[in-house]
Amino acid sequence: MFARVTSFSEHSRFRNSLKAALLLLLCCLPPPAAAKAEQPPLPQPDGVVARCFDGDTLKLTDRRVVRLAGIDTPEMARDHKPQYYAREARQELETLAKGQKVRLFAAGVKNRDNYGRIVADVRLEDGRSLNDLMIERGAAFYYPHQDQNPHLQERLRALQEQAINERRGLWAHLLSLPLARLNYTGNRDSLRFFPADCPDAQRIKPRNRVYFGTLMDAFLAGYAPARVCHFWPAQP
């Protein structure tokens, strides 16, 4: 224990010693998690964008196909009309990336998806992330996975919240529709949400169910639409 302080000079020396000890302790602490969370480049990280299939998938000139991690965009379907904002999302990505040099960074535990596509945080030569830009401009929505880098998740969720609050891109129209005022049910395990009347929503285990009063609530909570029981409107 510290000795009892009996005079002003002793008190001053004690305070200075305590400050020095605290400073030494802080210097020895490991850096905060956010500072260590930067994703490393993938093997063969560099490429040039040849084309964009949609708003979240592109092809490099060396024929590699890359999926932008942590985001999703409306579908460009072949057998029916594209979903609302699918064409605009693809055009946004083409404007940003086509013909540009990019570098691929790890986005989580797995570097490829079930289709063999590279999954990455894709950055332009100036350091900007295409994943960030698509979310920031309201041309995509956050699409979480359990194995994603936490730093990437936090980034994308924060950018989506800003885009929603300012009604950028797809959010202005989507959140004005009657479907935006319906109830939705989320699955804590998959981080996906369903319309409340979707049969698959009823199959979610009770302990994993999350209830959202509106569509915006579900998106702001960091959940993404499930692939079943589509509610997304078609392209006008």
Protein backbone atom coordinates (compact mmCIF):
# COMPACT_ATOMS: atom_id res chain seq x y z
CA MET A 1 0.00 0.00 0.00
CA PHE A 2 1.07 3.62 -0.47
CA ALA A 3 2.47 5.46 2.53
CA ARG A 4 0.31 8.11 4.16
CA VAL A 5 0.86 11.59 2.66
CA THR A 6 1.54 14.14 5.41
CA SER A 7 2.61 17.33 3.60
CA PHE A 8 2.01 19.32 0.42
CA SER A 9 5.46 18.47 -0.99
CA GLU A 10 4.94 14.80 -0.25
CA HIS A 11 1.51 14.98 -1.85
CA SER A 12 3.02 16.59 -4.98
CA ARG A 13 5.75 13.92 -5.23
CA PHE A 14 3.15 11.20 -4.71
CA ARG A 15 0.92 12.64 -7.46
CA ASN A 16 3.83 12.88 -9.91
CA SER A 17 4.89 9.33 -9.15
CA LEU A 18 1.35 8.11 -9.69
CA LYS A 19 1.15 9.93 -13.04
CA ALA A 20 4.43 8.37 -14.17
CA ALA A 21 3.22 4.90 -13.15
CA LEU A 22 -0.07 5.34 -15.04
CA LEU A 23 1.78 6.60 -18.14
CA LEU A 24 4.10 3.59 -18.05
CA LEU A 25 1.10 1.28 -17.71
CA LEU A 26 -0.66 2.87 -20.70
CA CYS A 27 2.46 2.53 -22.84
CA CYS A 28 2.61 -1.18 -22.07
CA LEU A 29 -1.03 -1.87 -22.96
CA PRO A 30 -1.73 -3.47 -26.37
CA PRO A 31 -3.22 -1.22 -29.06
CA PRO A 32 -7.04 -1.02 -29.21
CA ALA A 33 -8.80 -3.63 -31.32
CA ALA A 34 -9.81 -1.10 -33.99
CA ALA A 35 -6.17 -0.24 -34.61
CA LYS A 36 -5.35 -3.91 -35.24
CA ALA A 37 -8.47 -4.63 -37.27
CA GLU A 38 -7.17 -3.50 -40.66
CA GLN A 39 -7.62 -6.31 -43.17
CA PRO A 40 -4.53 -7.64 -44.94
CA PRO A 41 -4.34 -7.81 -48.75
CA LEU A 42 -5.37 -11.11 -50.31
CA PRO A 43 -2.96 -13.27 -52.33
CA GLN A 44 -2.76 -11.78 -55.85
CA PRO A 45 -4.36 -8.60 -54.54
CA ASP A 46 -4.13 -6.38 -57.63
CA GLY A 47 -6.33 -6.31 -60.71
CA VAL A 48 -8.23 -4.19 -63.20
CA VAL A 49 -12.01 -4.20 -63.38
CA ALA A 50 -13.30 -5.43 -66.75
CA ARG A 51 -17.06 -5.46 -66.12
CA CYS A 52 -19.73 -5.36 -63.44
CA PHE A 53 -22.39 -8.07 -63.38
CA ASP A 54 -24.53 -6.12 -60.93
CA GLY A 55 -24.00 -3.74 -58.02
CA ASP A 56 -22.02 -6.14 -55.86
CA THR A 57 -20.12 -8.46 -58.24
CA LEU A 58 -17.41 -7.62 -60.75
CA LYS A 59 -14.98 -9.37 -63.08
CA LEU A 60 -11.30 -8.53 -63.43
CA THR A 61 -9.36 -8.57 -66.69
CA ASP A 62 -7.60 -11.77 -65.54
CA ARG A 63 -11.07 -13.41 -65.39
CA ARG A 64 -11.32 -13.56 -61.60
CA VAL A 65 -14.82 -12.85 -60.28
CA VAL A 66 -15.03 -10.78 -57.10
CA ARG A 67 -17.96 -10.35 -54.73
CA LEU A 68 -17.88 -7.15 -52.67
CA ALA A 69 -17.96 -8.35 -49.06
CA GLY A 70 -20.60 -7.18 -46.64
CA ILE A 71 -22.97 -5.64 -49.19
CA ASP A 72 -25.86 -6.75 -51.37
CA THR A 73 -27.83 -5.05 -54.11
CA PRO A 74 -31.19 -5.68 -55.81
CA GLU A 75 -31.13 -8.57 -58.26
CA MET A 76 -30.67 -8.31 -62.02
CA ALA A 77 -32.90 -11.29 -62.88
CA ARG A 78 -32.90 -12.97 -66.30
CA ASP A 79 -36.32 -14.61 -66.17
CA HIS A 80 -38.31 -11.67 -64.81
CA LYS A 81 -38.08 -7.93 -64.33
CA PRO A 82 -35.09 -6.65 -62.34
CA GLN A 83 -35.73 -5.62 -58.78
CA TYR A 84 -36.09 -1.94 -57.97
CA TYR A 85 -32.73 -0.10 -58.15
CA ALA A 86 -30.88 -3.09 -59.65
CA ARG A 87 -29.95 -1.20 -62.83
CA GLU A 88 -28.97 1.92 -60.92
CA ALA A 89 -26.76 -0.10 -58.57
CA ARG A 90 -24.94 -1.76 -61.47
CA GLN A 91 -24.47 1.60 -63.17
CA GLU A 92 -23.10 3.09 -59.94
CA LEU A 93 -20.51 0.33 -59.61
CA GLU A 94 -19.55 0.59 -63.28
CA THR A 95 -19.06 4.34 -62.97
CA LEU A 96 -16.86 3.89 -59.92
CA ALA A 97 -14.86 0.84 -60.95
CA LYS A 98 -14.88 -0.15 -64.63
CA GLY A 99 -11.38 0.11 -66.09
CA GLN A 100 -9.94 1.02 -62.69
CA LYS A 101 -7.04 -0.63 -60.88
CA VAL A 102 -8.17 -2.17 -57.62
CA ARG A 103 -6.64 -4.01 -54.68
CA LEU A 104 -8.38 -6.84 -52.84
CA PHE A 105 -8.32 -7.02 -49.03
CA ALA A 106 -9.47 -9.82 -46.75
CA ALA A 107 -12.94 -9.29 -45.34
CA GLY A 108 -13.30 -12.25 -43.00
CA VAL A 109 -12.33 -15.83 -42.33
CA LYS A 110 -13.21 -17.11 -45.80
CA ASN A 111 -11.84 -15.56 -48.98
CA ARG A 112 -14.25 -17.35 -51.34
CA ASP A 113 -17.98 -18.00 -51.29
CA ASN A 114 -19.93 -21.14 -52.19
CA TYR A 115 -19.81 -20.16 -55.88
CA GLY A 116 -16.02 -19.90 -55.95
CA ARG A 117 -16.05 -16.11 -56.16
CA ILE A 118 -13.42 -14.12 -54.31
CA VAL A 119 -14.98 -12.22 -51.39
CA ALA A 120 -13.11 -9.02 -50.61
CA ASP A 121 -13.03 -5.43 -49.51
CA VAL A 122 -12.20 -3.90 -52.89
CA ARG A 123 -10.31 -0.60 -52.89
CA LEU A 124 -9.49 1.87 -55.61
CA GLU A 125 -6.00 3.31 -56.12
CA ASP A 126 -6.88 6.32 -53.96
CA GLY A 127 -7.68 4.01 -51.05
CA ARG A 128 -11.46 4.33 -51.14
CA SER A 129 -13.41 1.12 -50.60
CA LEU A 130 -15.99 0.24 -53.27
CA ASN A 131 -17.92 -1.60 -50.55
CA ASP A 132 -18.10 1.62 -48.53
CA LEU A 133 -18.99 3.79 -51.49
CA MET A 134 -21.89 1.61 -52.62
CA ILE A 135 -23.41 1.66 -49.13
CA GLU A 136 -22.67 5.34 -48.59
CA ARG A 137 -24.46 6.31 -51.81
CA GLY A 138 -27.53 4.24 -51.06
CA ALA A 139 -26.84 1.91 -53.99
CA ALA A 140 -26.47 -1.19 -51.77
CA PHE A 141 -27.43 -2.44 -48.33
CA TYR A 142 -25.38 -4.06 -45.61
CA TYR A 143 -25.22 -7.87 -45.88
CA PRO A 144 -23.65 -9.39 -42.75
CA HIS A 145 -22.03 -12.76 -42.20
CA GLN A 146 -20.90 -14.21 -38.90
CA ASP A 147 -17.26 -14.55 -40.06
CA GLN A 148 -16.85 -10.98 -41.30
CA ASN A 149 -14.14 -8.72 -39.95
CA PRO A 150 -15.77 -6.74 -37.06
CA HIS A 151 -14.13 -3.51 -38.22
CA LEU A 152 -15.65 -3.92 -41.70
CA GLN A 153 -19.05 -4.64 -40.16
CA GLU A 154 -18.97 -1.52 -38.02
CA ARG A 155 -17.92 0.61 -41.00
CA LEU A 156 -20.69 -0.63 -43.26
CA ARG A 157 -23.41 -0.44 -40.63
CA ALA A 158 -22.51 3.16 -39.79
CA LEU A 159 -22.49 4.15 -43.46
CA GLN A 160 -25.84 2.48 -44.03
CA GLU A 161 -27.38 4.32 -41.09
CA GLN A 162 -26.25 7.64 -42.59
CA ALA A 163 -27.61 6.71 -46.03
CA ILE A 164 -30.97 5.69 -44.53
CA ASN A 165 -31.28 8.82 -42.40
CA GLU A 166 -30.53 11.02 -45.41
CA ARG A 167 -32.66 8.89 -47.78
CA ARG A 168 -29.88 8.49 -50.32
CA GLY A 169 -30.25 6.30 -53.40
CA LEU A 170 -32.70 3.42 -53.08
CA TRP A 171 -33.81 4.40 -49.56
CA ALA A 172 -35.90 7.42 -50.59
CA HIS A 173 -38.41 5.37 -52.59
CA LEU A 174 -38.19 2.05 -50.75
CA LEU A 175 -38.95 3.53 -47.32
CA SER A 176 -41.88 5.51 -48.70
CA LEU A 177 -43.76 2.38 -49.81
CA PRO A 178 -46.51 0.67 -47.77
CA LEU A 179 -44.23 -2.38 -47.34
CA ALA A 180 -41.88 -0.20 -45.28
CA ARG A 181 -44.57 0.05 -42.57
CA LEU A 182 -45.13 -3.71 -42.25
CA ASN A 183 -43.73 -5.92 -39.50
CA TYR A 184 -40.66 -8.10 -40.05
CA THR A 185 -39.07 -10.99 -38.16
CA GLY A 186 -35.33 -11.43 -37.88
CA ASN A 187 -33.19 -14.48 -37.19
CA ARG A 188 -30.36 -13.78 -34.73
CA ASP A 189 -28.44 -16.78 -36.01
CA SER A 190 -28.42 -15.89 -39.72
CA LEU A 191 -28.80 -12.09 -39.36
CA ARG A 192 -31.56 -12.19 -42.00
CA PHE A 193 -35.08 -10.86 -41.76
CA PHE A 194 -38.38 -11.95 -43.31
CA PRO A 195 -41.84 -10.44 -43.76
CA ALA A 196 -43.77 -11.40 -40.63
CA ASP A 197 -46.23 -13.51 -42.63
CA CYS A 198 -43.52 -15.46 -44.46
CA PRO A 199 -43.76 -19.21 -43.66
CA ASP A 200 -39.99 -19.35 -43.15
CA ALA A 201 -40.27 -16.72 -40.42
CA GLN A 202 -42.47 -19.11 -38.44
CA ARG A 203 -39.74 -21.76 -38.59
CA ILE A 204 -37.21 -19.59 -36.75
CA LYS A 205 -36.47 -20.97 -33.30
CA PRO A 206 -38.15 -18.76 -30.67
CA ARG A 207 -34.85 -17.94 -28.97
CA ASN A 208 -33.48 -16.61 -32.27
CA ARG A 209 -36.47 -14.46 -33.23
CA VAL A 210 -36.23 -10.69 -33.32
CA TYR A 211 -39.30 -8.57 -34.10
CA PHE A 212 -39.09 -5.34 -36.08
CA GLY A 213 -41.95 -2.86 -36.25
CA THR A 214 -40.88 -1.44 -39.63
CA LEU A 215 -38.58 -2.21 -42.53
CA MET A 216 -36.22 0.58 -41.48
CA ASP A 217 -35.91 -0.92 -38.00
CA ALA A 218 -34.69 -4.19 -39.51
CA PHE A 219 -32.08 -2.50 -41.69
CA LEU A 220 -30.85 -0.21 -38.90
CA ALA A 221 -30.39 -3.25 -36.65
CA GLY A 222 -27.89 -4.62 -39.18
CA TYR A 223 -30.07 -7.39 -40.61
CA ALA A 224 -30.44 -8.09 -44.35
CA PRO A 225 -33.39 -9.44 -46.36
CA ALA A 226 -33.63 -13.23 -46.60
CA ARG A 227 -33.65 -14.75 -50.08
CA VAL A 228 -37.07 -16.35 -49.55
CA CYS A 229 -40.44 -14.56 -49.44
CA HIS A 230 -39.26 -11.63 -51.51
CA PHE A 231 -40.89 -8.32 -50.70
CA TRP A 232 -38.60 -6.09 -52.77
CA PRO A 233 -40.52 -4.23 -55.53
CA ALA A 234 -39.74 -4.77 -59.21
CA GLN A 235 -38.14 -2.13 -61.42
CA PRO A 236 -40.86 0.30 -62.62
